[in-house]
Amino acid sequence: MDIDRRSLMKGMLASGALMALGSPPWAFANQPAPRPGRCVLLLNGAKVDDSFERGARAACGGMAFEGLDIVRLKDGLLSGTQNIARAMERSREARWIAVMDDAGAIIFLELARAAGARMLSMGMHACSTDDAGRLRHEIATASAACSAGELLASQLIRRPHDFSVRETFLQAPPARSSSTGWSARAVSSYRLHGPDIFHMHCAGVSLTEGCERMSLPAAGHWTAIPPPVSSRDFVSWPADNWVQSVGYAVTAAALGPAAVAESCSGRAFIHATPIREAQEKERFVSFIVDI
């Protein structure tokens, strides 16, 4: 993820762009996210749309959810702003999943703000354009109850992907939360103690290498997190590419609460492999909002 994209994410967080839209009452009360009766998938007319939609449909099928509506913009959000604003007005009590490019993300935030939306999640997803072909995902969620991080990482690790998934929780963790590690194989998990507790789950990288990737202090107060007693392998759909995996994980997060809420304010999942598949060099932003 390049500097401009990192600046976009940090700027949105620093300016309160997520929290300014408001979090739903269940997020503040640390209650499970209720399943929506209707969900709208907004596609911005980009190359990733078909793959994301396939992953989203797979998640709906796996969770027996039949209330997904698809809205496709042929010429991007800029040319369809008024139509989307009207659609949001007509879609009260619906949950929206949006897939945007960088420019569309800014416009979508403004439309959501004007509609009085409640932001649940924003994610920035990219495959680096260098020879490494490394996947990078940065996600900010209103609470751990609507987290997509572990599900996305568990989906990606099934294939030879070199990736990092970093997730920030904007609300305090629930009272009943977990301090166990990631259930994937050959993973070492660590906890960084301090004012903002951070969990890092490493597969194929050392703690020092993981800290370097995440720009975290390797000399900090890290302790090992024990592995889970039993596997939490809740991913059941074989994606063909990484964009489908993102579509699957983001939609599943929108439809139901996360299986496990870790007791931290942020976490990262990192996987390195010497054998890598050729990746689509794509980048996009995902949103989950309640209208």
Protein backbone atom coordinates (compact mmCIF):
# COMPACT_ATOMS: atom_id res chain seq x y z
CA MET A 1 0.00 0.00 0.00
CA ASP A 2 1.64 3.23 -1.13
CA ILE A 3 2.10 6.41 0.89
CA ASP A 4 -0.91 8.15 -0.65
CA ARG A 5 -3.24 5.34 0.37
CA ARG A 6 -1.81 5.21 3.87
CA SER A 7 -2.29 8.97 4.10
CA LEU A 8 -5.90 8.60 2.94
CA MET A 9 -6.66 6.04 5.65
CA LYS A 10 -4.86 8.01 8.38
CA GLY A 11 -6.51 11.23 7.28
CA MET A 12 -9.98 9.71 7.43
CA LEU A 13 -9.33 8.29 10.88
CA ALA A 14 -7.67 11.44 12.21
CA SER A 15 -10.46 13.66 10.95
CA GLY A 16 -13.09 11.39 12.48
CA ALA A 17 -14.56 10.55 9.09
CA LEU A 18 -15.63 7.13 10.34
CA MET A 19 -16.87 8.08 13.78
CA ALA A 20 -18.43 11.32 12.57
CA LEU A 21 -21.00 9.18 10.76
CA GLY A 22 -21.92 7.58 14.06
CA SER A 23 -21.72 4.04 15.35
CA PRO A 24 -24.89 2.01 15.95
CA PRO A 25 -26.13 1.50 19.52
CA TRP A 26 -25.10 -2.16 19.60
CA ALA A 27 -21.48 -1.16 18.87
CA PHE A 28 -21.36 1.14 21.90
CA ALA A 29 -23.10 -1.45 24.06
CA ASN A 30 -20.77 -4.26 22.93
CA GLN A 31 -23.77 -6.27 21.74
CA PRO A 32 -23.77 -8.60 18.71
CA ALA A 33 -24.46 -6.88 15.40
CA PRO A 34 -28.01 -7.73 14.33
CA ARG A 35 -28.36 -9.36 10.93
CA PRO A 36 -29.89 -6.92 8.44
CA GLY A 37 -33.14 -7.77 6.75
CA ARG A 38 -31.85 -6.23 3.53
CA CYS A 39 -28.34 -5.60 2.22
CA VAL A 40 -27.32 -3.47 -0.77
CA LEU A 41 -24.05 -4.12 -2.62
CA LEU A 42 -22.90 -0.98 -4.46
CA LEU A 43 -20.35 -1.59 -7.22
CA ASN A 44 -18.44 1.35 -8.69
CA GLY A 45 -17.91 0.04 -12.22
CA ALA A 46 -14.31 -1.09 -11.61
CA LYS A 47 -12.45 -4.22 -12.72
CA VAL A 48 -12.77 -5.77 -9.27
CA ASP A 49 -16.58 -5.65 -9.28
CA ASP A 50 -17.26 -9.10 -10.72
CA SER A 51 -14.84 -10.87 -8.39
CA PHE A 52 -16.06 -8.99 -5.32
CA GLU A 53 -19.68 -9.73 -6.23
CA ARG A 54 -18.94 -13.44 -6.62
CA GLY A 55 -17.39 -13.52 -3.15
CA ALA A 56 -20.33 -11.57 -1.72
CA ARG A 57 -22.86 -13.96 -3.25
CA ALA A 58 -20.92 -16.94 -1.89
CA ALA A 59 -21.04 -15.45 1.62
CA CYS A 60 -24.80 -14.87 1.32
CA GLY A 61 -25.30 -18.44 0.12
CA GLY A 62 -23.20 -19.85 2.93
CA MET A 63 -25.12 -17.83 5.53
CA ALA A 64 -28.56 -18.51 4.00
CA PHE A 65 -29.15 -14.80 3.36
CA GLU A 66 -31.49 -13.92 0.49
CA GLY A 67 -31.84 -10.17 0.93
CA LEU A 68 -28.88 -8.98 -1.20
CA ASP A 69 -29.59 -6.31 -3.82
CA ILE A 70 -26.93 -5.35 -6.37
CA VAL A 71 -26.50 -1.76 -7.62
CA ARG A 72 -23.98 -1.36 -10.47
CA LEU A 73 -22.61 2.00 -11.60
CA LYS A 74 -21.41 1.84 -15.19
CA ASP A 75 -19.52 5.15 -15.17
CA GLY A 76 -18.42 5.39 -11.55
CA LEU A 77 -19.95 7.13 -8.55
CA LEU A 78 -19.28 10.66 -9.81
CA SER A 79 -21.83 10.34 -12.62
CA GLY A 80 -24.39 8.55 -10.43
CA THR A 81 -24.24 10.67 -7.28
CA GLN A 82 -27.85 11.84 -7.35
CA ASN A 83 -29.18 8.36 -8.09
CA ILE A 84 -27.25 6.87 -5.16
CA ALA A 85 -28.41 9.65 -2.83
CA ARG A 86 -32.02 8.87 -3.77
CA ALA A 87 -31.40 5.14 -3.37
CA MET A 88 -30.02 5.72 0.13
CA GLU A 89 -33.08 7.76 1.01
CA ARG A 90 -35.30 4.88 -0.14
CA SER A 91 -33.19 2.27 1.67
CA ARG A 92 -33.70 3.16 5.29
CA GLU A 93 -32.83 0.31 7.67
CA ALA A 94 -30.75 -1.39 4.97
CA ARG A 95 -27.08 -2.28 5.34
CA TRP A 96 -24.86 -1.15 2.46
CA ILE A 97 -21.63 -2.73 1.26
CA ALA A 98 -19.76 -0.45 -1.15
CA VAL A 99 -16.72 -1.09 -3.35
CA MET A 100 -15.00 2.13 -4.46
CA ASP A 101 -11.81 3.44 -5.99
CA ASP A 102 -9.97 6.15 -4.05
CA ALA A 103 -11.92 9.03 -5.58
CA GLY A 104 -15.25 7.26 -5.21
CA ALA A 105 -14.49 6.53 -1.54
CA ILE A 106 -14.44 10.24 -0.70
CA ILE A 107 -17.72 10.84 -2.52
CA PHE A 108 -19.36 7.82 -0.91
CA LEU A 109 -18.39 9.05 2.57
CA GLU A 110 -20.04 12.40 1.88
CA LEU A 111 -23.21 10.73 0.55
CA ALA A 112 -23.34 8.45 3.59
CA ARG A 113 -22.85 11.40 5.93
CA ALA A 114 -25.67 13.32 4.25
CA ALA A 115 -27.93 10.27 4.55
CA GLY A 116 -27.24 10.00 8.30
CA ALA A 117 -25.52 6.64 7.87
CA ARG A 118 -23.76 4.72 10.65
CA MET A 119 -20.33 3.48 9.65
CA LEU A 120 -19.44 -0.09 10.59
CA SER A 121 -16.27 -0.70 8.60
CA MET A 122 -13.88 0.77 6.06
CA GLY A 123 -11.12 -1.26 4.42
CA MET A 124 -8.34 -0.39 2.00
CA HIS A 125 -7.18 -3.31 -0.13
CA ALA A 126 -4.25 -3.43 -2.56
CA CYS A 127 -1.80 -5.68 -4.33
CA SER A 128 1.59 -3.99 -4.60
CA THR A 129 2.78 -3.23 -8.10
CA ASP A 130 6.37 -4.33 -7.44
CA ASP A 131 7.76 -7.80 -8.10
CA ALA A 132 6.81 -8.97 -4.60
CA GLY A 133 3.10 -8.88 -5.43
CA ARG A 134 2.32 -8.51 -1.73
CA LEU A 135 -1.28 -8.08 -0.62
CA ARG A 136 -1.99 -5.36 1.95
CA HIS A 137 -5.26 -4.75 3.74
CA GLU A 138 -5.96 -2.03 6.30
CA ILE A 139 -9.37 -2.15 7.99
CA ALA A 140 -11.01 0.14 10.53
CA THR A 141 -14.17 -1.15 12.23
CA ALA A 142 -16.60 0.39 14.69
CA SER A 143 -16.22 -2.61 16.99
CA ALA A 144 -14.82 -6.13 17.03
CA ALA A 145 -18.36 -7.45 16.51
CA CYS A 146 -18.25 -6.46 12.82
CA SER A 147 -14.67 -7.55 12.20
CA ALA A 148 -13.60 -9.06 8.87
CA GLY A 149 -9.87 -9.39 9.65
CA GLU A 150 -9.53 -12.97 10.82
CA LEU A 151 -11.99 -14.29 8.26
CA LEU A 152 -10.12 -12.52 5.45
CA ALA A 153 -6.74 -13.78 6.68
CA SER A 154 -8.06 -17.33 7.05
CA GLN A 155 -9.38 -17.15 3.50
CA LEU A 156 -6.14 -15.77 2.02
CA ILE A 157 -3.82 -18.21 3.80
CA ARG A 158 -5.39 -21.13 1.96
CA ARG A 159 -3.49 -20.11 -1.17
CA PRO A 160 0.16 -19.04 -1.67
CA HIS A 161 -0.51 -15.39 -0.90
CA ASP A 162 2.04 -13.11 0.76
CA PHE A 163 -0.18 -10.74 2.71
CA SER A 164 -0.79 -8.56 5.73
CA VAL A 165 -4.18 -7.70 7.21
CA ARG A 166 -4.16 -4.89 9.78
CA GLU A 167 -7.34 -4.08 11.67
CA THR A 168 -8.13 -1.21 14.03
CA PHE A 169 -11.11 -1.27 16.40
CA LEU A 170 -12.60 2.15 17.13
CA GLN A 171 -14.53 0.94 20.16
CA ALA A 172 -13.22 -0.83 23.26
CA PRO A 173 -13.23 -4.65 23.09
CA PRO A 174 -16.25 -6.43 24.59
CA ALA A 175 -16.10 -7.65 28.17
CA ARG A 176 -16.12 -11.27 27.02
CA SER A 177 -13.27 -11.33 24.55
CA SER A 178 -10.44 -13.66 23.59
CA SER A 179 -6.69 -13.59 24.12
CA THR A 180 -5.95 -16.73 22.13
CA GLY A 181 -3.98 -16.89 18.91
CA TRP A 182 -5.03 -17.29 15.30
CA SER A 183 -6.22 -20.82 14.57
CA ALA A 184 -4.37 -21.19 11.25
CA ARG A 185 -1.51 -23.68 11.10
CA ALA A 186 2.12 -22.76 11.88
CA VAL A 187 1.18 -19.39 13.38
CA SER A 188 2.88 -17.60 16.24
CA SER A 189 0.81 -14.98 18.03
CA TYR A 190 2.02 -12.08 20.18
CA ARG A 191 0.54 -9.35 22.37
CA LEU A 192 2.00 -5.85 22.62
CA HIS A 193 1.23 -4.40 26.04
CA GLY A 194 0.62 -0.71 26.58
CA PRO A 195 -2.17 1.88 26.44
CA ASP A 196 -3.36 0.45 23.10
CA ILE A 197 -3.00 -3.33 23.22
CA PHE A 198 -2.08 -4.83 19.85
CA HIS A 199 -2.12 -8.46 18.73
CA MET A 200 0.08 -9.76 15.90
CA HIS A 201 -0.32 -13.19 14.30
CA CYS A 202 2.66 -14.31 12.21
CA ALA A 203 2.94 -17.20 9.73
CA GLY A 204 6.24 -17.55 7.88
CA VAL A 205 7.71 -14.44 9.50
CA SER A 206 9.39 -13.80 12.85
CA LEU A 207 8.18 -11.29 15.42
CA THR A 208 10.94 -8.90 14.34
CA GLU A 209 9.98 -9.20 10.65
CA GLY A 210 6.33 -8.75 11.52
CA CYS A 211 7.09 -5.59 13.49
CA GLU A 212 9.05 -4.24 10.53
CA ARG A 213 6.15 -4.83 8.17
CA MET A 214 3.65 -3.23 10.53
CA SER A 215 5.97 -0.37 11.62
CA LEU A 216 5.73 -1.49 15.25
CA PRO A 217 8.50 -1.42 17.88
CA ALA A 218 10.23 -4.81 18.04
CA ALA A 219 11.72 -3.76 21.39
CA GLY A 220 8.28 -3.23 22.91
CA HIS A 221 6.75 -5.36 25.68
CA TRP A 222 5.66 -8.37 23.59
CA THR A 223 4.42 -11.62 25.11
CA ALA A 224 3.37 -14.85 23.40
CA ILE A 225 -0.34 -15.60 23.04
CA PRO A 226 -1.31 -19.27 23.50
CA PRO A 227 -2.86 -21.05 20.51
CA PRO A 228 -6.60 -21.73 20.60
CA VAL A 229 -7.76 -24.95 22.20
CA SER A 230 -9.62 -25.93 19.03
CA SER A 231 -9.57 -24.81 15.42
CA ARG A 232 -11.75 -21.89 14.33
CA ASP A 233 -11.67 -22.81 10.65
CA PHE A 234 -14.92 -21.12 9.69
CA VAL A 235 -14.04 -20.43 6.05
CA SER A 236 -15.79 -22.84 3.74
CA TRP A 237 -15.63 -21.25 0.29
CA PRO A 238 -12.67 -21.72 -2.12
CA ALA A 239 -12.02 -18.35 -3.80
CA ASP A 240 -10.29 -18.13 -7.19
CA ASN A 241 -8.48 -14.86 -6.41
CA TRP A 242 -7.83 -12.44 -3.57
CA VAL A 243 -10.57 -9.98 -4.54
CA GLN A 244 -13.16 -12.75 -4.21
CA SER A 245 -11.77 -13.46 -0.74
CA VAL A 246 -12.25 -9.81 0.24
CA GLY A 247 -15.81 -9.86 -1.10
CA TYR A 248 -16.53 -13.01 0.89
CA ALA A 249 -15.04 -11.73 4.16
CA VAL A 250 -16.51 -8.21 4.02
CA THR A 251 -19.99 -9.52 3.20
CA ALA A 252 -19.84 -12.17 5.92
CA ALA A 253 -18.84 -9.44 8.40
CA ALA A 254 -21.80 -7.35 7.27
CA LEU A 255 -24.23 -10.22 7.77
CA GLY A 256 -23.20 -11.48 11.18
CA PRO A 257 -20.96 -10.91 14.21
CA ALA A 258 -17.37 -12.10 14.22
CA ALA A 259 -16.81 -15.59 15.63
CA VAL A 260 -14.19 -14.36 18.12
CA ALA A 261 -13.61 -10.84 19.45
CA GLU A 262 -10.00 -10.39 20.59
CA SER A 263 -9.23 -8.26 23.64
CA CYS A 264 -7.19 -5.60 21.86
CA SER A 265 -7.55 -2.25 20.14
CA GLY A 266 -5.88 -3.50 16.98
CA ARG A 267 -4.41 -6.61 15.40
CA ALA A 268 -2.52 -7.84 12.37
CA PHE A 269 -2.33 -11.11 10.44
CA ILE A 270 0.87 -11.61 8.42
CA HIS A 271 1.73 -14.48 6.10
CA ALA A 272 4.85 -14.94 3.98
CA THR A 273 5.54 -17.73 1.52
CA PRO A 274 8.42 -18.34 -0.93
CA ILE A 275 5.96 -19.54 -3.59
CA ARG A 276 3.44 -16.96 -4.74
CA GLU A 277 0.63 -16.90 -7.23
CA ALA A 278 0.44 -14.19 -9.85
CA GLN A 279 -1.91 -11.51 -8.52
CA GLU A 280 -4.17 -8.94 -10.08
CA LYS A 281 -2.59 -5.54 -9.40
CA GLU A 282 -5.76 -3.96 -8.08
CA ARG A 283 -6.61 -1.53 -5.30
CA PHE A 284 -9.96 -0.47 -3.88
CA VAL A 285 -11.81 0.63 -0.75
CA SER A 286 -14.66 -1.27 0.91
CA PHE A 287 -17.36 0.08 3.22
CA ILE A 288 -20.08 -1.36 5.42
CA VAL A 289 -22.67 1.19 6.56
CA ASP A 290 -26.15 1.16 8.05
CA ILE A 291 -28.50 3.64 6.43
